[in-house]
Amino acid sequence: MKSLALVLLLVSAAAFAKDHVYQDGKLLSVSKQNDGAIGTGLGNMALAVPMGHAIFTVQISDIVYIVRGEKVNRHTKDYSKGLIIGDPVKAAVEGNNLILLLPTGKDFNTAILTRERSKQ
């Protein structure tokens, strides 16, 4: 009975999963934007931990999108999410979000900061 319930749950989740319309794009850059520092305290010591967001620049056709990824700090190992600058990427534009298909096959939802026409 538990296995039947699990199968029904997985099937219903798959039925509501949204398919994205991916387009071919190119990852132009990945950088870290510093948002400032967050103070933390250890006893009598105060530490400032720099915080920021990953910033991705992606070109799809003749539009260049600058998008903000998740928060990163000095302990974040790979804020590019395994993507390589200069490589082609699959990306979907949905409203004010850009969804990148990561090498792992997972979607990475980012907020669009700016859109501009390519100068080329």
C-alpha atoms as a PDB file:
ATOM      1  CA  MET A   1       0.000   0.000   0.000  1.00  0.00           C
ATOM      2  CA  LYS A   2       2.859   2.393   0.796  1.00  0.00           C
ATOM      3  CA  SER A   3       4.451   1.740  -2.596  1.00  0.00           C
ATOM      4  CA  LEU A   4       1.163   2.547  -4.369  1.00  0.00           C
ATOM      5  CA  ALA A   5       0.890   5.829  -2.463  1.00  0.00           C
ATOM      6  CA  LEU A   6       4.491   6.678  -3.375  1.00  0.00           C
ATOM      7  CA  VAL A   7       3.864   5.947  -7.060  1.00  0.00           C
ATOM      8  CA  LEU A   8       0.735   8.127  -7.049  1.00  0.00           C
ATOM      9  CA  LEU A   9       2.635  10.943  -5.357  1.00  0.00           C
ATOM     10  CA  LEU A  10       5.452  10.819  -7.919  1.00  0.00           C
ATOM     11  CA  VAL A  11       3.040  10.681 -10.854  1.00  0.00           C
ATOM     12  CA  SER A  12       1.033  13.634  -9.550  1.00  0.00           C
ATOM     13  CA  ALA A  13       4.205  15.653  -8.944  1.00  0.00           C
ATOM     14  CA  ALA A  14       5.375  14.945 -12.486  1.00  0.00           C
ATOM     15  CA  ALA A  15       1.987  15.995 -13.872  1.00  0.00           C
ATOM     16  CA  PHE A  16       2.322  19.446 -12.271  1.00  0.00           C
ATOM     17  CA  ALA A  17       5.979  19.940 -13.203  1.00  0.00           C
ATOM     18  CA  LYS A  18       6.349  22.877 -15.587  1.00  0.00           C
ATOM     19  CA  ASP A  19       8.137  22.330 -18.859  1.00  0.00           C
ATOM     20  CA  HIS A  20      10.309  25.257 -19.829  1.00  0.00           C
ATOM     21  CA  VAL A  21      10.855  26.402 -23.405  1.00  0.00           C
ATOM     22  CA  TYR A  22      14.637  26.460 -23.552  1.00  0.00           C
ATOM     23  CA  GLN A  23      16.550  28.498 -26.081  1.00  0.00           C
ATOM     24  CA  ASP A  24      20.185  28.223 -27.059  1.00  0.00           C
ATOM     25  CA  GLY A  25      22.329  30.857 -25.408  1.00  0.00           C
ATOM     26  CA  LYS A  26      25.882  31.578 -24.369  1.00  0.00           C
ATOM     27  CA  LEU A  27      27.269  32.275 -20.905  1.00  0.00           C
ATOM     28  CA  LEU A  28      29.297  35.470 -21.275  1.00  0.00           C
ATOM     29  CA  SER A  29      30.421  35.974 -17.668  1.00  0.00           C
ATOM     30  CA  VAL A  30      29.949  35.033 -14.027  1.00  0.00           C
ATOM     31  CA  SER A  31      31.026  37.359 -11.250  1.00  0.00           C
ATOM     32  CA  LYS A  32      30.343  38.088  -7.611  1.00  0.00           C
ATOM     33  CA  GLN A  33      28.638  41.330  -6.652  1.00  0.00           C
ATOM     34  CA  ASN A  34      29.466  42.401  -3.114  1.00  0.00           C
ATOM     35  CA  ASP A  35      26.453  43.505  -1.105  1.00  0.00           C
ATOM     36  CA  GLY A  36      28.463  44.553   1.923  1.00  0.00           C
ATOM     37  CA  ALA A  37      29.340  42.605   5.038  1.00  0.00           C
ATOM     38  CA  ILE A  38      27.382  40.936   7.766  1.00  0.00           C
ATOM     39  CA  GLY A  39      28.794  41.264  11.270  1.00  0.00           C
ATOM     40  CA  THR A  40      29.023  38.190  13.439  1.00  0.00           C
ATOM     41  CA  GLY A  41      30.270  37.915  16.961  1.00  0.00           C
ATOM     42  CA  LEU A  42      32.420  35.328  18.658  1.00  0.00           C
ATOM     43  CA  GLY A  43      32.629  36.210  22.306  1.00  0.00           C
ATOM     44  CA  ASN A  44      34.362  39.584  22.446  1.00  0.00           C
ATOM     45  CA  MET A  45      35.483  39.403  18.796  1.00  0.00           C
ATOM     46  CA  ALA A  46      33.478  40.923  15.958  1.00  0.00           C
ATOM     47  CA  LEU A  47      33.951  39.551  12.452  1.00  0.00           C
ATOM     48  CA  ALA A  48      32.709  40.987   9.176  1.00  0.00           C
ATOM     49  CA  VAL A  49      31.788  38.299   6.642  1.00  0.00           C
ATOM     50  CA  PRO A  50      31.544  39.631   3.075  1.00  0.00           C
ATOM     51  CA  MET A  51      28.243  38.714   1.393  1.00  0.00           C
ATOM     52  CA  GLY A  52      27.112  39.053  -2.185  1.00  0.00           C
ATOM     53  CA  HIS A  53      25.262  37.508  -5.097  1.00  0.00           C
ATOM     54  CA  ALA A  54      26.464  35.663  -8.157  1.00  0.00           C
ATOM     55  CA  ILE A  55      25.869  37.726 -11.301  1.00  0.00           C
ATOM     56  CA  PHE A  56      25.475  35.874 -14.615  1.00  0.00           C
ATOM     57  CA  THR A  57      25.577  37.468 -18.069  1.00  0.00           C
ATOM     58  CA  VAL A  58      23.811  35.329 -20.671  1.00  0.00           C
ATOM     59  CA  GLN A  59      23.188  36.072 -24.339  1.00  0.00           C
ATOM     60  CA  ILE A  60      20.165  34.577 -26.102  1.00  0.00           C
ATOM     61  CA  SER A  61      19.890  35.553 -29.746  1.00  0.00           C
ATOM     62  CA  ASP A  62      20.518  39.334 -29.814  1.00  0.00           C
ATOM     63  CA  ILE A  63      19.493  40.000 -26.184  1.00  0.00           C
ATOM     64  CA  VAL A  64      21.986  40.066 -23.311  1.00  0.00           C
ATOM     65  CA  TYR A  65      20.516  39.292 -19.889  1.00  0.00           C
ATOM     66  CA  ILE A  66      22.201  40.187 -16.620  1.00  0.00           C
ATOM     67  CA  VAL A  67      20.741  38.050 -13.868  1.00  0.00           C
ATOM     68  CA  ARG A  68      21.270  37.661 -10.134  1.00  0.00           C
ATOM     69  CA  GLY A  69      21.852  34.208  -8.739  1.00  0.00           C
ATOM     70  CA  GLU A  70      21.831  33.066  -5.156  1.00  0.00           C
ATOM     71  CA  LYS A  71      23.714  34.566  -2.232  1.00  0.00           C
ATOM     72  CA  VAL A  72      27.384  33.712  -1.975  1.00  0.00           C
ATOM     73  CA  ASN A  73      30.014  34.342   0.650  1.00  0.00           C
ATOM     74  CA  ARG A  74      33.695  33.568   1.039  1.00  0.00           C
ATOM     75  CA  HIS A  75      32.884  29.917   1.781  1.00  0.00           C
ATOM     76  CA  THR A  76      30.928  29.367  -1.451  1.00  0.00           C
ATOM     77  CA  LYS A  77      33.006  27.065  -3.620  1.00  0.00           C
ATOM     78  CA  ASP A  78      31.408  27.234  -7.085  1.00  0.00           C
ATOM     79  CA  TYR A  79      28.965  30.076  -7.486  1.00  0.00           C
ATOM     80  CA  SER A  80      28.962  29.501 -11.261  1.00  0.00           C
ATOM     81  CA  LYS A  81      26.982  26.284 -10.590  1.00  0.00           C
ATOM     82  CA  GLY A  82      29.280  24.208 -12.816  1.00  0.00           C
ATOM     83  CA  LEU A  83      28.694  26.417 -15.863  1.00  0.00           C
ATOM     84  CA  ILE A  84      31.737  27.463 -17.892  1.00  0.00           C
ATOM     85  CA  ILE A  85      32.126  30.975 -19.282  1.00  0.00           C
ATOM     86  CA  GLY A  86      32.025  30.946 -23.080  1.00  0.00           C
ATOM     87  CA  ASP A  87      30.088  27.676 -23.292  1.00  0.00           C
ATOM     88  CA  PRO A  88      26.623  27.325 -24.779  1.00  0.00           C
ATOM     89  CA  VAL A  89      23.765  27.118 -22.270  1.00  0.00           C
ATOM     90  CA  LYS A  90      20.084  26.277 -22.416  1.00  0.00           C
ATOM     91  CA  ALA A  91      18.001  29.114 -20.987  1.00  0.00           C
ATOM     92  CA  ALA A  92      14.310  29.943 -20.697  1.00  0.00           C
ATOM     93  CA  VAL A  93      12.880  33.419 -20.139  1.00  0.00           C
ATOM     94  CA  GLU A  94       9.709  33.466 -18.060  1.00  0.00           C
ATOM     95  CA  GLY A  95       8.551  36.912 -16.992  1.00  0.00           C
ATOM     96  CA  ASN A  96      11.294  38.497 -14.889  1.00  0.00           C
ATOM     97  CA  ASN A  97      13.145  35.200 -14.436  1.00  0.00           C
ATOM     98  CA  LEU A  98      15.768  33.447 -16.482  1.00  0.00           C
ATOM     99  CA  ILE A  99      16.014  29.706 -15.952  1.00  0.00           C
ATOM    100  CA  LEU A 100      19.335  28.080 -16.764  1.00  0.00           C
ATOM    101  CA  LEU A 101      19.664  24.352 -17.329  1.00  0.00           C
ATOM    102  CA  LEU A 102      22.672  23.267 -15.259  1.00  0.00           C
ATOM    103  CA  PRO A 103      25.095  20.492 -16.273  1.00  0.00           C
ATOM    104  CA  THR A 104      23.432  18.346 -13.581  1.00  0.00           C
ATOM    105  CA  GLY A 105      20.116  18.567 -15.459  1.00  0.00           C
ATOM    106  CA  LYS A 106      18.505  20.719 -12.770  1.00  0.00           C
ATOM    107  CA  ASP A 107      16.908  24.125 -13.349  1.00  0.00           C
ATOM    108  CA  PHE A 108      18.521  27.209 -11.852  1.00  0.00           C
ATOM    109  CA  ASN A 109      15.993  30.045 -11.513  1.00  0.00           C
ATOM    110  CA  THR A 110      17.502  33.544 -11.499  1.00  0.00           C
ATOM    111  CA  ALA A 111      16.054  37.060 -11.362  1.00  0.00           C
ATOM    112  CA  ILE A 112      16.607  39.249 -14.428  1.00  0.00           C
ATOM    113  CA  LEU A 113      18.252  42.551 -13.521  1.00  0.00           C
ATOM    114  CA  THR A 114      18.631  44.030 -17.024  1.00  0.00           C
ATOM    115  CA  ARG A 115      18.015  43.211 -20.671  1.00  0.00           C
ATOM    116  CA  GLU A 116      19.884  44.910 -23.500  1.00  0.00           C
ATOM    117  CA  ARG A 117      20.460  44.449 -27.202  1.00  0.00           C
ATOM    118  CA  SER A 118      23.798  42.992 -28.165  1.00  0.00           C
ATOM    119  CA  LYS A 119      26.164  45.459 -29.775  1.00  0.00           C
ATOM    120  CA  GLN A 120      27.319  42.833 -32.305  1.00  0.00           C
END
